[in-house]
Amino acid sequence: MSKKKNTLKDLDEFLKQQAAALVAPIQLSDTIQEPQPAKKTTTHSSEPQPEISTAKILDDLKALADNEGSSFRKKFYDLIIQSIAAQKNSLPEDKMLINTALYLKDPERWKETIRAYWKGKTY
């Protein structure tokens, strides 16, 4: 009997080989930084800090959608892209979400849009 092939595993291996051929992997010793002692900062400001919560953000997004009208979606996609790109540890799911938002911003030219976004970005 023939062995059933796992095409996803084969594809993953192929992509890893291609990525290694295109970009030399970064040495782990180059990326490790010495831990710095934490500095205690006390803020004695008379201004109250704004409330940050998912419910508040959702309410603000709804208000922004009402104010912006039809241009809200593109601004929302930009917000998604910027917030995910600002994360310190990038996951494959993050890249997929960014690509999805880029596609939704410009479905007619999505390939060029995605290519232009990632050109020059460091992964």
N, C-alpha and C. Protein backbone atom coordinates (compact mmCIF):
# COMPACT_ATOMS: atom_id res chain seq x y z
N MET A 1 0.83 -1.19 0.00
CA MET A 1 0.00 0.00 0.00
C MET A 1 0.88 1.26 0.00
N SER A 2 0.37 2.26 -0.58
CA SER A 2 1.14 3.51 -0.64
C SER A 2 0.88 4.34 0.61
N LYS A 3 1.89 5.07 0.97
CA LYS A 3 1.80 5.93 2.15
C LYS A 3 1.06 7.22 1.78
N LYS A 4 0.12 7.63 2.61
CA LYS A 4 -0.63 8.86 2.35
C LYS A 4 0.27 10.06 2.61
N LYS A 5 0.32 10.99 1.68
CA LYS A 5 1.19 12.16 1.80
C LYS A 5 0.49 13.25 2.58
N ASN A 6 1.26 13.96 3.36
CA ASN A 6 0.76 15.13 4.08
C ASN A 6 1.24 16.36 3.32
N THR A 7 0.38 16.87 2.46
CA THR A 7 0.80 17.97 1.58
C THR A 7 1.06 19.25 2.36
N LEU A 8 0.35 19.49 3.45
CA LEU A 8 0.61 20.69 4.25
C LEU A 8 1.99 20.63 4.89
N LYS A 9 2.36 19.45 5.34
CA LYS A 9 3.69 19.29 5.94
C LYS A 9 4.77 19.49 4.86
N ASP A 10 4.53 18.92 3.68
CA ASP A 10 5.48 19.09 2.58
C ASP A 10 5.61 20.56 2.18
N LEU A 11 4.47 21.25 2.12
CA LEU A 11 4.48 22.67 1.76
C LEU A 11 5.23 23.48 2.82
N ASP A 12 4.99 23.17 4.09
CA ASP A 12 5.67 23.87 5.17
C ASP A 12 7.18 23.68 5.08
N GLU A 13 7.61 22.48 4.84
CA GLU A 13 9.04 22.20 4.70
C GLU A 13 9.64 22.94 3.51
N PHE A 14 8.92 22.94 2.38
CA PHE A 14 9.38 23.64 1.20
C PHE A 14 9.53 25.13 1.47
N LEU A 15 8.52 25.73 2.12
CA LEU A 15 8.58 27.16 2.41
C LEU A 15 9.72 27.50 3.37
N LYS A 16 9.97 26.63 4.32
CA LYS A 16 11.09 26.85 5.24
C LYS A 16 12.42 26.82 4.49
N GLN A 17 12.55 25.87 3.57
CA GLN A 17 13.78 25.79 2.77
C GLN A 17 13.95 27.03 1.91
N GLN A 18 12.86 27.48 1.30
CA GLN A 18 12.93 28.67 0.46
C GLN A 18 13.28 29.91 1.28
N ALA A 19 12.66 30.04 2.46
CA ALA A 19 12.93 31.19 3.31
C ALA A 19 14.39 31.18 3.77
N ALA A 20 14.90 30.01 4.09
CA ALA A 20 16.30 29.92 4.53
C ALA A 20 17.25 30.28 3.39
N ALA A 21 16.85 29.96 2.17
CA ALA A 21 17.70 30.28 1.03
C ALA A 21 17.68 31.78 0.73
N LEU A 22 16.55 32.44 0.99
CA LEU A 22 16.43 33.86 0.68
C LEU A 22 17.02 34.75 1.76
N VAL A 23 16.82 34.39 3.01
CA VAL A 23 17.26 35.22 4.13
C VAL A 23 18.04 34.37 5.10
N ALA A 24 19.22 34.82 5.44
CA ALA A 24 20.01 34.09 6.42
C ALA A 24 19.37 34.24 7.79
N PRO A 25 19.20 33.15 8.53
CA PRO A 25 18.58 33.25 9.85
C PRO A 25 19.43 34.09 10.80
N ILE A 26 18.78 34.80 11.68
CA ILE A 26 19.45 35.64 12.67
C ILE A 26 19.97 34.74 13.79
N GLN A 27 21.20 34.98 14.18
CA GLN A 27 21.78 34.23 15.29
C GLN A 27 21.02 34.56 16.57
N LEU A 28 20.67 33.57 17.34
CA LEU A 28 19.94 33.78 18.57
C LEU A 28 20.76 34.63 19.54
N SER A 29 22.06 34.47 19.54
CA SER A 29 22.91 35.24 20.44
C SER A 29 22.89 36.73 20.10
N ASP A 30 22.56 37.07 18.83
CA ASP A 30 22.47 38.47 18.43
C ASP A 30 21.20 39.13 18.93
N THR A 31 20.17 38.33 19.15
CA THR A 31 18.88 38.90 19.54
C THR A 31 18.67 38.97 21.05
N ILE A 32 19.47 38.24 21.81
CA ILE A 32 19.32 38.24 23.27
C ILE A 32 19.95 39.50 23.83
N GLN A 33 19.19 40.19 24.64
CA GLN A 33 19.69 41.41 25.26
C GLN A 33 19.78 41.20 26.77
N GLU A 34 20.73 41.87 27.36
CA GLU A 34 20.87 41.79 28.79
C GLU A 34 19.67 42.45 29.46
N PRO A 35 19.09 41.80 30.46
CA PRO A 35 17.96 42.44 31.15
C PRO A 35 18.42 43.66 31.91
N GLN A 36 17.66 44.71 31.79
CA GLN A 36 17.99 45.94 32.48
C GLN A 36 17.10 46.04 33.72
N PRO A 37 17.64 46.58 34.78
CA PRO A 37 16.82 46.70 35.99
C PRO A 37 15.63 47.61 35.73
N ALA A 38 14.52 47.20 36.28
CA ALA A 38 13.29 47.97 36.08
C ALA A 38 13.37 49.27 36.87
N LYS A 39 12.99 50.33 36.21
CA LYS A 39 12.97 51.63 36.87
C LYS A 39 11.57 51.89 37.36
N LYS A 40 11.47 52.27 38.60
CA LYS A 40 10.16 52.60 39.14
C LYS A 40 9.87 54.05 38.82
N THR A 41 8.77 54.22 38.16
CA THR A 41 8.36 55.58 37.84
C THR A 41 7.03 55.85 38.51
N THR A 42 7.00 56.90 39.20
CA THR A 42 5.74 57.29 39.83
C THR A 42 5.26 58.53 39.14
N THR A 43 4.04 58.48 38.73
CA THR A 43 3.48 59.63 38.06
C THR A 43 2.51 60.30 39.02
N HIS A 44 2.84 61.50 39.37
CA HIS A 44 1.98 62.28 40.23
C HIS A 44 1.37 63.39 39.39
N SER A 45 0.47 63.00 38.55
CA SER A 45 -0.14 64.00 37.71
C SER A 45 -1.56 64.25 38.19
N SER A 46 -1.97 65.47 38.04
CA SER A 46 -3.31 65.81 38.48
C SER A 46 -4.35 65.42 37.45
N GLU A 47 -3.90 65.04 36.25
CA GLU A 47 -4.83 64.64 35.21
C GLU A 47 -5.22 63.18 35.39
N PRO A 48 -6.51 62.90 35.35
CA PRO A 48 -6.92 61.50 35.47
C PRO A 48 -6.58 60.73 34.20
N GLN A 49 -6.17 59.49 34.37
CA GLN A 49 -5.84 58.65 33.22
C GLN A 49 -7.13 58.20 32.55
N PRO A 50 -7.18 58.21 31.21
CA PRO A 50 -8.39 57.78 30.53
C PRO A 50 -8.62 56.28 30.72
N GLU A 51 -9.87 55.91 30.78
CA GLU A 51 -10.23 54.51 30.94
C GLU A 51 -9.92 53.76 29.65
N ILE A 52 -9.27 52.61 29.78
CA ILE A 52 -8.99 51.79 28.61
C ILE A 52 -9.63 50.43 28.85
N SER A 53 -10.58 50.09 28.01
CA SER A 53 -11.23 48.79 28.07
C SER A 53 -11.78 48.45 26.70
N THR A 54 -12.05 47.18 26.50
CA THR A 54 -12.58 46.78 25.20
C THR A 54 -13.96 47.38 24.96
N ALA A 55 -14.74 47.50 26.01
CA ALA A 55 -16.07 48.10 25.86
C ALA A 55 -15.96 49.56 25.45
N LYS A 56 -15.02 50.30 26.04
CA LYS A 56 -14.81 51.71 25.70
C LYS A 56 -14.30 51.84 24.26
N ILE A 57 -13.38 50.98 23.88
CA ILE A 57 -12.84 51.01 22.51
C ILE A 57 -13.96 50.72 21.51
N LEU A 58 -14.81 49.73 21.81
CA LEU A 58 -15.92 49.41 20.92
C LEU A 58 -16.89 50.58 20.79
N ASP A 59 -17.19 51.25 21.92
CA ASP A 59 -18.06 52.42 21.87
C ASP A 59 -17.44 53.53 21.03
N ASP A 60 -16.13 53.73 21.19
CA ASP A 60 -15.43 54.76 20.40
C ASP A 60 -15.44 54.41 18.91
N LEU A 61 -15.28 53.12 18.59
CA LEU A 61 -15.32 52.71 17.18
C LEU A 61 -16.71 52.93 16.58
N LYS A 62 -17.74 52.64 17.36
CA LYS A 62 -19.11 52.88 16.88
C LYS A 62 -19.34 54.37 16.63
N ALA A 63 -18.85 55.20 17.54
CA ALA A 63 -19.00 56.65 17.36
C ALA A 63 -18.22 57.12 16.14
N LEU A 64 -17.02 56.59 15.96
CA LEU A 64 -16.21 56.95 14.80
C LEU A 64 -16.90 56.52 13.50
N ALA A 65 -17.51 55.35 13.50
CA ALA A 65 -18.23 54.86 12.32
C ALA A 65 -19.39 55.78 11.99
N ASP A 66 -20.08 56.26 13.01
CA ASP A 66 -21.19 57.19 12.77
C ASP A 66 -20.68 58.51 12.19
N ASN A 67 -19.55 58.99 12.69
CA ASN A 67 -18.99 60.26 12.22
C ASN A 67 -18.39 60.16 10.83
N GLU A 68 -17.71 59.06 10.54
CA GLU A 68 -16.98 58.93 9.28
C GLU A 68 -17.84 58.49 8.11
N GLY A 69 -18.90 57.76 8.39
CA GLY A 69 -19.75 57.28 7.31
C GLY A 69 -19.08 56.20 6.48
N SER A 70 -19.10 56.35 5.16
CA SER A 70 -18.60 55.31 4.26
C SER A 70 -17.07 55.17 4.28
N SER A 71 -16.36 56.18 4.74
CA SER A 71 -14.89 56.09 4.77
C SER A 71 -14.38 55.39 6.03
N PHE A 72 -15.30 54.98 6.90
CA PHE A 72 -14.88 54.35 8.16
C PHE A 72 -14.15 53.04 7.94
N ARG A 73 -14.62 52.21 7.02
CA ARG A 73 -14.03 50.88 6.85
C ARG A 73 -12.53 50.94 6.53
N LYS A 74 -12.16 51.79 5.60
CA LYS A 74 -10.74 51.87 5.24
C LYS A 74 -9.90 52.35 6.42
N LYS A 75 -10.44 53.30 7.19
CA LYS A 75 -9.73 53.77 8.38
C LYS A 75 -9.65 52.67 9.44
N PHE A 76 -10.70 51.87 9.54
CA PHE A 76 -10.71 50.76 10.48
C PHE A 76 -9.68 49.71 10.08
N TYR A 77 -9.58 49.41 8.78
CA TYR A 77 -8.57 48.46 8.31
C TYR A 77 -7.16 48.99 8.60
N ASP A 78 -6.95 50.29 8.41
CA ASP A 78 -5.65 50.89 8.75
C ASP A 78 -5.37 50.75 10.24
N LEU A 79 -6.39 50.92 11.06
CA LEU A 79 -6.23 50.79 12.51
C LEU A 79 -5.84 49.36 12.88
N ILE A 80 -6.46 48.39 12.23
CA ILE A 80 -6.11 46.98 12.48
C ILE A 80 -4.66 46.74 12.10
N ILE A 81 -4.27 47.20 10.92
CA ILE A 81 -2.90 46.98 10.44
C ILE A 81 -1.88 47.62 11.38
N GLN A 82 -2.14 48.86 11.78
CA GLN A 82 -1.20 49.57 12.65
C GLN A 82 -1.12 48.93 14.03
N SER A 83 -2.25 48.51 14.58
CA SER A 83 -2.23 47.94 15.92
C SER A 83 -1.55 46.57 15.94
N ILE A 84 -1.76 45.77 14.91
CA ILE A 84 -1.10 44.45 14.85
C ILE A 84 0.39 44.61 14.56
N ALA A 85 0.74 45.54 13.69
CA ALA A 85 2.15 45.76 13.35
C ALA A 85 2.92 46.30 14.55
N ALA A 86 2.25 46.94 15.49
CA ALA A 86 2.92 47.51 16.66
C ALA A 86 3.22 46.48 17.74
N GLN A 87 2.70 45.27 17.59
CA GLN A 87 2.94 44.23 18.59
C GLN A 87 4.41 43.82 18.58
N LYS A 88 4.93 43.50 19.74
CA LYS A 88 6.35 43.14 19.85
C LYS A 88 6.64 41.77 19.26
N ASN A 89 5.82 40.80 19.57
CA ASN A 89 6.04 39.44 19.08
C ASN A 89 5.06 39.15 17.95
N SER A 90 5.57 39.04 16.75
CA SER A 90 4.73 38.81 15.59
C SER A 90 4.46 37.32 15.44
N LEU A 91 3.19 36.99 15.23
CA LEU A 91 2.78 35.60 15.00
C LEU A 91 2.34 35.44 13.55
N PRO A 92 2.33 34.22 13.03
CA PRO A 92 1.84 34.02 11.67
C PRO A 92 0.40 34.51 11.50
N GLU A 93 -0.40 34.36 12.55
CA GLU A 93 -1.79 34.82 12.50
C GLU A 93 -1.86 36.34 12.32
N ASP A 94 -0.90 37.05 12.90
CA ASP A 94 -0.85 38.51 12.76
C ASP A 94 -0.62 38.89 11.30
N LYS A 95 0.29 38.20 10.64
CA LYS A 95 0.58 38.48 9.24
C LYS A 95 -0.65 38.18 8.38
N MET A 96 -1.36 37.10 8.73
CA MET A 96 -2.56 36.76 7.97
C MET A 96 -3.64 37.84 8.16
N LEU A 97 -3.77 38.36 9.38
CA LEU A 97 -4.75 39.41 9.64
C LEU A 97 -4.39 40.69 8.89
N ILE A 98 -3.11 41.04 8.88
CA ILE A 98 -2.66 42.22 8.14
C ILE A 98 -2.95 42.04 6.65
N ASN A 99 -2.63 40.86 6.11
CA ASN A 99 -2.89 40.60 4.69
C ASN A 99 -4.39 40.67 4.38
N THR A 100 -5.21 40.16 5.30
CA THR A 100 -6.66 40.22 5.10
C THR A 100 -7.15 41.66 5.09
N ALA A 101 -6.66 42.46 6.03
CA ALA A 101 -7.06 43.87 6.07
C ALA A 101 -6.59 44.61 4.82
N LEU A 102 -5.39 44.29 4.35
CA LEU A 102 -4.90 44.91 3.12
C LEU A 102 -5.76 44.51 1.92
N TYR A 103 -6.18 43.26 1.89
CA TYR A 103 -7.06 42.80 0.81
C TYR A 103 -8.39 43.56 0.86
N LEU A 104 -8.96 43.69 2.06
CA LEU A 104 -10.25 44.37 2.19
C LEU A 104 -10.16 45.85 1.84
N LYS A 105 -9.00 46.46 2.06
CA LYS A 105 -8.82 47.87 1.70
C LYS A 105 -8.85 48.08 0.19
N ASP A 106 -8.29 47.14 -0.54
CA ASP A 106 -8.18 47.31 -1.99
C ASP A 106 -8.33 45.96 -2.69
N PRO A 107 -9.57 45.43 -2.78
CA PRO A 107 -9.74 44.09 -3.33
C PRO A 107 -9.37 43.96 -4.81
N GLU A 108 -9.42 45.05 -5.57
CA GLU A 108 -9.08 44.96 -6.98
C GLU A 108 -7.58 44.83 -7.21
N ARG A 109 -6.78 45.45 -6.32
CA ARG A 109 -5.32 45.44 -6.48
C ARG A 109 -4.65 44.82 -5.26
N TRP A 110 -5.25 43.79 -4.69
CA TRP A 110 -4.78 43.26 -3.42
C TRP A 110 -3.36 42.71 -3.49
N LYS A 111 -2.97 42.10 -4.59
CA LYS A 111 -1.62 41.54 -4.68
C LYS A 111 -0.57 42.65 -4.61
N GLU A 112 -0.79 43.71 -5.36
CA GLU A 112 0.16 44.82 -5.37
C GLU A 112 0.17 45.52 -4.00
N THR A 113 -1.01 45.64 -3.39
CA THR A 113 -1.10 46.30 -2.09
C THR A 113 -0.34 45.53 -1.03
N ILE A 114 -0.52 44.22 -1.00
CA ILE A 114 0.17 43.38 -0.01
C ILE A 114 1.68 43.39 -0.28
N ARG A 115 2.06 43.28 -1.55
CA ARG A 115 3.49 43.28 -1.90
C ARG A 115 4.14 44.60 -1.49
N ALA A 116 3.45 45.71 -1.75
CA ALA A 116 4.00 47.03 -1.41
C ALA A 116 4.12 47.20 0.10
N TYR A 117 3.16 46.67 0.85
CA TYR A 117 3.21 46.80 2.31
C TYR A 117 4.41 46.05 2.88
N TRP A 118 4.59 44.81 2.45
CA TRP A 118 5.64 43.99 3.04
C TRP A 118 7.02 44.29 2.49
N LYS A 119 7.09 45.01 1.38
CA LYS A 119 8.41 45.33 0.81
C LYS A 119 9.14 46.26 1.79
N GLY A 120 10.28 45.83 2.20
CA GLY A 120 11.08 46.64 3.13
C GLY A 120 10.77 46.41 4.60
N LYS A 121 9.73 45.63 4.91
CA LYS A 121 9.41 45.31 6.31
C LYS A 121 10.34 44.21 6.79
N THR A 122 10.71 44.29 8.05
CA THR A 122 11.48 43.20 8.65
C THR A 122 10.51 42.32 9.41
N TYR A 123 10.63 41.06 9.26
CA TYR A 123 9.69 40.11 9.84
C TYR A 123 10.12 39.84 11.24
